Amino acid sequence: MESLRLEEYTLGHLMTEGHRAEYRFSPQLVAILCKADANENMDICLELTKLDDVDDDYTEHYNMPEDSEHILVTEWCSIEESNEPGVWSIFMFRDPVTKSTRMIGWICDGHGYPYLRKII
């Protein structure tokens, strides 16, 4: 599937195409995702880069052990390698505070810096 702008993906894409995976995200990572806004003029998500600096490898926040405090998250991506530059991932989860459904778009630039955009 070709890489589209975030606005061009439909529910049909999410239901029938691409790659889906289930994760157990840390509460810290979900709290950062919940702060994303719908602004099209996205900036680097400095909180994610700080999480990386503090923990040295924030990827451990993606797959928490089953017996730890975690939030279940479904990731959809048009390709299996979701951290490729310029490829959108969409994370879907229940906000632990408001209990509402969240959908957050995540994309990395060529240097690996993450950008977030709120969908729902």
N, C-alpha and C. Protein backbone atom coordinates (compact mmCIF):
# COMPACT_ATOMS: atom_id res chain seq x y z
N MET A 1 0.84 -1.17 0.00
CA MET A 1 0.00 0.00 0.00
C MET A 1 0.89 1.24 0.00
N GLU A 2 0.56 2.19 -0.81
CA GLU A 2 1.34 3.42 -0.86
C GLU A 2 1.15 4.23 0.41
N SER A 3 2.12 5.05 0.71
CA SER A 3 2.03 5.91 1.88
C SER A 3 1.14 7.11 1.54
N LEU A 4 0.10 7.31 2.31
CA LEU A 4 -0.85 8.40 2.10
C LEU A 4 -0.68 9.45 3.18
N ARG A 5 -1.28 10.61 2.95
CA ARG A 5 -1.38 11.60 4.02
C ARG A 5 -2.34 11.04 5.06
N LEU A 6 -2.17 11.41 6.29
CA LEU A 6 -3.00 10.87 7.37
C LEU A 6 -4.49 11.07 7.06
N GLU A 7 -4.85 12.20 6.50
CA GLU A 7 -6.24 12.51 6.21
C GLU A 7 -6.84 11.59 5.14
N GLU A 8 -6.00 10.94 4.35
CA GLU A 8 -6.48 10.10 3.26
C GLU A 8 -6.79 8.66 3.68
N TYR A 9 -6.36 8.26 4.88
CA TYR A 9 -6.67 6.92 5.35
C TYR A 9 -8.13 6.88 5.80
N THR A 10 -8.81 5.79 5.46
CA THR A 10 -10.20 5.63 5.83
C THR A 10 -10.34 4.47 6.81
N LEU A 11 -11.51 4.33 7.40
CA LEU A 11 -11.76 3.17 8.26
C LEU A 11 -11.62 1.88 7.46
N GLY A 12 -11.95 1.94 6.17
CA GLY A 12 -11.76 0.77 5.31
C GLY A 12 -10.32 0.32 5.28
N HIS A 13 -9.38 1.27 5.20
CA HIS A 13 -7.95 0.91 5.25
C HIS A 13 -7.63 0.19 6.56
N LEU A 14 -8.11 0.76 7.66
CA LEU A 14 -7.80 0.19 8.97
C LEU A 14 -8.43 -1.19 9.16
N MET A 15 -9.57 -1.43 8.53
CA MET A 15 -10.27 -2.70 8.72
C MET A 15 -9.77 -3.80 7.78
N THR A 16 -9.30 -3.44 6.59
CA THR A 16 -9.03 -4.48 5.59
C THR A 16 -7.60 -4.53 5.08
N GLU A 17 -6.82 -3.50 5.31
CA GLU A 17 -5.46 -3.45 4.75
C GLU A 17 -4.46 -3.20 5.87
N GLY A 18 -3.20 -3.27 5.52
CA GLY A 18 -2.15 -2.91 6.45
C GLY A 18 -1.86 -3.99 7.48
N HIS A 19 -1.11 -3.57 8.48
CA HIS A 19 -0.62 -4.46 9.53
C HIS A 19 -1.15 -3.97 10.88
N ARG A 20 -1.65 -4.89 11.71
CA ARG A 20 -2.12 -4.55 13.04
C ARG A 20 -1.32 -5.34 14.07
N ALA A 21 -1.06 -4.70 15.19
CA ALA A 21 -0.36 -5.37 16.28
C ALA A 21 -0.92 -4.87 17.61
N GLU A 22 -0.84 -5.73 18.61
CA GLU A 22 -1.31 -5.39 19.96
C GLU A 22 -0.09 -5.17 20.85
N TYR A 23 -0.17 -4.13 21.69
CA TYR A 23 0.92 -3.81 22.60
C TYR A 23 0.38 -3.51 23.99
N ARG A 24 1.27 -3.57 24.96
CA ARG A 24 0.99 -3.13 26.32
C ARG A 24 1.88 -1.91 26.57
N PHE A 25 1.31 -0.72 26.43
CA PHE A 25 2.08 0.52 26.60
C PHE A 25 2.12 0.90 28.08
N SER A 26 3.20 1.55 28.46
CA SER A 26 3.31 2.07 29.82
C SER A 26 2.36 3.25 30.00
N PRO A 27 1.90 3.48 31.22
CA PRO A 27 1.06 4.66 31.48
C PRO A 27 1.75 5.97 31.10
N GLN A 28 3.08 6.04 31.25
CA GLN A 28 3.82 7.25 30.88
C GLN A 28 3.73 7.52 29.39
N LEU A 29 3.87 6.47 28.58
CA LEU A 29 3.80 6.61 27.13
C LEU A 29 2.38 7.01 26.70
N VAL A 30 1.37 6.38 27.27
CA VAL A 30 -0.02 6.71 26.94
C VAL A 30 -0.34 8.15 27.35
N ALA A 31 0.16 8.59 28.48
CA ALA A 31 -0.08 9.97 28.91
C ALA A 31 0.47 10.96 27.89
N ILE A 32 1.61 10.66 27.30
CA ILE A 32 2.18 11.52 26.27
C ILE A 32 1.31 11.48 25.01
N LEU A 33 0.88 10.29 24.61
CA LEU A 33 0.02 10.18 23.43
C LEU A 33 -1.28 10.96 23.62
N CYS A 34 -1.83 10.93 24.82
CA CYS A 34 -3.10 11.61 25.09
C CYS A 34 -2.99 13.14 24.98
N LYS A 35 -1.80 13.67 25.02
CA LYS A 35 -1.60 15.12 24.90
C LYS A 35 -1.55 15.59 23.45
N ALA A 36 -1.54 14.66 22.49
CA ALA A 36 -1.47 15.04 21.07
C ALA A 36 -2.70 15.87 20.71
N ASP A 37 -2.50 16.84 19.82
CA ASP A 37 -3.64 17.63 19.36
C ASP A 37 -3.83 17.42 17.86
N ALA A 38 -4.87 18.02 17.33
CA ALA A 38 -5.23 17.83 15.92
C ALA A 38 -4.55 18.84 15.00
N ASN A 39 -3.58 19.57 15.49
CA ASN A 39 -2.89 20.61 14.73
C ASN A 39 -2.11 19.99 13.56
N GLU A 40 -2.37 20.48 12.36
CA GLU A 40 -1.64 19.98 11.19
C GLU A 40 -0.20 20.47 11.14
N ASN A 41 0.12 21.57 11.82
CA ASN A 41 1.49 22.07 11.88
C ASN A 41 2.20 21.38 13.04
N MET A 42 2.55 20.13 12.82
CA MET A 42 3.10 19.31 13.89
C MET A 42 4.53 19.71 14.23
N ASP A 43 4.87 19.53 15.49
CA ASP A 43 6.22 19.72 15.99
C ASP A 43 6.73 18.39 16.51
N ILE A 44 8.03 18.28 16.64
CA ILE A 44 8.62 17.08 17.23
C ILE A 44 8.03 16.92 18.63
N CYS A 45 7.67 15.71 18.99
CA CYS A 45 7.14 15.44 20.32
C CYS A 45 8.31 15.35 21.30
N LEU A 46 8.61 16.48 21.90
CA LEU A 46 9.77 16.54 22.79
C LEU A 46 9.62 15.63 24.01
N GLU A 47 8.39 15.41 24.47
CA GLU A 47 8.20 14.53 25.62
C GLU A 47 8.63 13.10 25.30
N LEU A 48 8.38 12.66 24.07
CA LEU A 48 8.84 11.32 23.68
C LEU A 48 10.36 11.27 23.60
N THR A 49 10.97 12.32 23.09
CA THR A 49 12.43 12.32 23.02
C THR A 49 13.03 12.40 24.42
N LYS A 50 12.37 13.11 25.35
CA LYS A 50 12.84 13.15 26.75
C LYS A 50 12.67 11.80 27.42
N LEU A 51 11.56 11.10 27.11
CA LEU A 51 11.36 9.76 27.66
C LEU A 51 12.49 8.86 27.20
N ASP A 52 12.92 9.01 25.96
CA ASP A 52 14.05 8.26 25.42
C ASP A 52 15.33 8.62 26.18
N ASP A 53 15.53 9.91 26.45
CA ASP A 53 16.74 10.34 27.17
C ASP A 53 16.77 9.81 28.60
N VAL A 54 15.62 9.83 29.27
CA VAL A 54 15.56 9.40 30.66
C VAL A 54 15.74 7.90 30.76
N ASP A 55 15.06 7.16 29.92
CA ASP A 55 15.08 5.70 30.02
C ASP A 55 16.10 5.05 29.10
N ASP A 56 16.80 5.83 28.32
CA ASP A 56 17.84 5.37 27.41
C ASP A 56 17.28 4.56 26.23
N ASP A 57 16.13 3.92 26.42
CA ASP A 57 15.51 3.18 25.33
C ASP A 57 14.01 3.12 25.61
N TYR A 58 13.27 4.10 25.10
CA TYR A 58 11.86 4.14 25.45
C TYR A 58 11.05 3.04 24.78
N THR A 59 11.69 2.21 23.95
CA THR A 59 10.95 1.10 23.35
C THR A 59 10.47 0.12 24.42
N GLU A 60 11.10 0.11 25.60
CA GLU A 60 10.61 -0.75 26.67
C GLU A 60 9.21 -0.33 27.12
N HIS A 61 8.80 0.88 26.83
CA HIS A 61 7.47 1.36 27.19
C HIS A 61 6.39 0.80 26.26
N TYR A 62 6.79 0.13 25.19
CA TYR A 62 5.85 -0.43 24.22
C TYR A 62 5.34 -1.81 24.62
N ASN A 63 6.16 -2.60 25.21
CA ASN A 63 5.78 -3.97 25.54
C ASN A 63 6.04 -4.25 27.01
N MET A 64 5.18 -3.69 27.82
CA MET A 64 5.29 -3.89 29.26
C MET A 64 4.96 -5.35 29.59
N PRO A 65 5.54 -5.88 30.64
CA PRO A 65 5.19 -7.25 31.05
C PRO A 65 3.70 -7.33 31.41
N GLU A 66 3.12 -8.50 31.21
CA GLU A 66 1.70 -8.67 31.49
C GLU A 66 1.34 -8.36 32.93
N ASP A 67 2.26 -8.62 33.85
CA ASP A 67 1.95 -8.41 35.26
C ASP A 67 2.26 -6.99 35.74
N SER A 68 2.60 -6.10 34.81
CA SER A 68 2.87 -4.70 35.17
C SER A 68 1.66 -3.83 34.85
N GLU A 69 1.69 -2.61 35.34
CA GLU A 69 0.65 -1.65 35.00
C GLU A 69 0.85 -1.26 33.54
N HIS A 70 -0.20 -1.42 32.73
CA HIS A 70 -0.08 -1.13 31.31
C HIS A 70 -1.45 -0.79 30.74
N ILE A 71 -1.45 -0.25 29.52
CA ILE A 71 -2.67 0.05 28.78
C ILE A 71 -2.57 -0.70 27.46
N LEU A 72 -3.64 -1.44 27.11
CA LEU A 72 -3.65 -2.17 25.85
C LEU A 72 -3.85 -1.20 24.69
N VAL A 73 -3.00 -1.34 23.67
CA VAL A 73 -3.02 -0.45 22.52
C VAL A 73 -2.96 -1.30 21.25
N THR A 74 -3.78 -0.92 20.27
CA THR A 74 -3.71 -1.55 18.96
C THR A 74 -3.03 -0.57 18.02
N GLU A 75 -2.02 -1.03 17.31
CA GLU A 75 -1.35 -0.21 16.31
C GLU A 75 -1.75 -0.69 14.94
N TRP A 76 -2.09 0.26 14.06
CA TRP A 76 -2.30 -0.04 12.65
C TRP A 76 -1.25 0.72 11.87
N CYS A 77 -0.68 0.05 10.88
CA CYS A 77 0.30 0.68 9.99
C CYS A 77 0.12 0.07 8.60
N SER A 78 0.38 0.88 7.58
CA SER A 78 0.22 0.37 6.22
C SER A 78 1.25 -0.68 5.87
N ILE A 79 2.39 -0.68 6.58
CA ILE A 79 3.44 -1.68 6.37
C ILE A 79 3.82 -2.28 7.72
N GLU A 80 4.53 -3.37 7.71
CA GLU A 80 4.89 -4.02 8.97
C GLU A 80 5.92 -3.23 9.76
N GLU A 81 6.85 -2.57 9.09
CA GLU A 81 7.88 -1.78 9.77
C GLU A 81 7.34 -0.39 10.07
N SER A 82 6.74 -0.23 11.22
CA SER A 82 6.01 0.99 11.52
C SER A 82 6.90 2.19 11.87
N ASN A 83 8.16 2.01 12.13
CA ASN A 83 9.01 3.14 12.48
C ASN A 83 9.81 3.68 11.31
N GLU A 84 9.45 3.28 10.10
CA GLU A 84 10.12 3.81 8.92
C GLU A 84 9.80 5.30 8.77
N PRO A 85 10.76 6.11 8.38
CA PRO A 85 10.50 7.54 8.20
C PRO A 85 9.38 7.77 7.18
N GLY A 86 8.48 8.68 7.52
CA GLY A 86 7.41 9.06 6.61
C GLY A 86 6.25 8.10 6.53
N VAL A 87 6.22 7.09 7.40
CA VAL A 87 5.12 6.12 7.40
C VAL A 87 4.28 6.33 8.66
N TRP A 88 2.98 6.53 8.46
CA TRP A 88 2.08 6.75 9.59
C TRP A 88 1.76 5.45 10.31
N SER A 89 1.72 5.52 11.63
CA SER A 89 1.13 4.49 12.48
C SER A 89 -0.06 5.13 13.17
N ILE A 90 -1.10 4.36 13.40
CA ILE A 90 -2.25 4.86 14.13
C ILE A 90 -2.42 3.97 15.35
N PHE A 91 -2.38 4.61 16.53
CA PHE A 91 -2.54 3.91 17.80
C PHE A 91 -3.95 4.12 18.30
N MET A 92 -4.62 3.03 18.67
CA MET A 92 -5.99 3.08 19.17
C MET A 92 -6.02 2.46 20.56
N PHE A 93 -6.64 3.19 21.50
CA PHE A 93 -6.68 2.73 22.88
C PHE A 93 -7.76 3.47 23.65
N ARG A 94 -8.04 3.00 24.84
CA ARG A 94 -8.98 3.68 25.73
C ARG A 94 -8.19 4.57 26.67
N ASP A 95 -8.55 5.85 26.69
CA ASP A 95 -7.89 6.80 27.57
C ASP A 95 -8.14 6.37 29.01
N PRO A 96 -7.07 6.15 29.80
CA PRO A 96 -7.27 5.67 31.16
C PRO A 96 -7.95 6.69 32.09
N VAL A 97 -7.91 7.96 31.72
CA VAL A 97 -8.51 9.00 32.57
C VAL A 97 -9.97 9.24 32.19
N THR A 98 -10.21 9.51 30.90
CA THR A 98 -11.56 9.86 30.46
C THR A 98 -12.39 8.64 30.03
N LYS A 99 -11.74 7.50 29.83
CA LYS A 99 -12.36 6.26 29.35
C LYS A 99 -12.91 6.37 27.93
N SER A 100 -12.54 7.43 27.21
CA SER A 100 -12.97 7.58 25.82
C SER A 100 -11.95 6.92 24.89
N THR A 101 -12.41 6.60 23.68
CA THR A 101 -11.54 5.99 22.68
C THR A 101 -10.60 7.06 22.12
N ARG A 102 -9.36 6.70 21.95
CA ARG A 102 -8.36 7.61 21.36
C ARG A 102 -7.78 6.96 20.11
N MET A 103 -7.54 7.79 19.12
CA MET A 103 -6.78 7.38 17.93
C MET A 103 -5.75 8.48 17.71
N ILE A 104 -4.49 8.06 17.69
CA ILE A 104 -3.39 9.01 17.57
C ILE A 104 -2.51 8.58 16.40
N GLY A 105 -2.23 9.51 15.49
CA GLY A 105 -1.31 9.26 14.40
C GLY A 105 0.12 9.56 14.84
N TRP A 106 1.06 8.72 14.44
CA TRP A 106 2.48 8.84 14.81
C TRP A 106 3.28 8.69 13.53
N ILE A 107 4.21 9.59 13.31
CA ILE A 107 5.10 9.50 12.16
C ILE A 107 6.48 9.95 12.60
N CYS A 108 7.51 9.36 12.01
CA CYS A 108 8.89 9.75 12.31
C CYS A 108 9.51 10.40 11.08
N ASP A 109 10.37 11.38 11.31
CA ASP A 109 11.08 11.98 10.19
C ASP A 109 12.34 11.17 9.89
N GLY A 110 13.13 11.62 8.95
CA GLY A 110 14.33 10.90 8.53
C GLY A 110 15.39 10.75 9.61
N HIS A 111 15.29 11.55 10.69
CA HIS A 111 16.24 11.46 11.79
C HIS A 111 15.69 10.62 12.94
N GLY A 112 14.47 10.10 12.78
CA GLY A 112 13.86 9.28 13.82
C GLY A 112 13.09 10.07 14.86
N TYR A 113 12.91 11.39 14.64
CA TYR A 113 12.14 12.18 15.60
C TYR A 113 10.65 11.94 15.42
N PRO A 114 9.92 11.70 16.52
CA PRO A 114 8.50 11.39 16.41
C PRO A 114 7.62 12.64 16.39
N TYR A 115 6.54 12.55 15.64
CA TYR A 115 5.52 13.60 15.55
C TYR A 115 4.18 12.91 15.82
N LEU A 116 3.28 13.59 16.54
CA LEU A 116 1.98 13.03 16.87
C LEU A 116 0.87 13.92 16.38
N ARG A 117 -0.25 13.30 16.02
CA ARG A 117 -1.45 14.07 15.69
C ARG A 117 -2.68 13.33 16.19
N LYS A 118 -3.53 14.05 16.90
CA LYS A 118 -4.77 13.47 17.40
C LYS A 118 -5.75 13.28 16.24
N ILE A 119 -6.37 12.11 16.18
CA ILE A 119 -7.41 11.83 15.20
C ILE A 119 -8.76 11.88 15.91
N ILE A 120 -8.89 11.10 16.98
CA ILE A 120 -10.09 11.10 17.82
C ILE A 120 -9.64 11.19 19.27
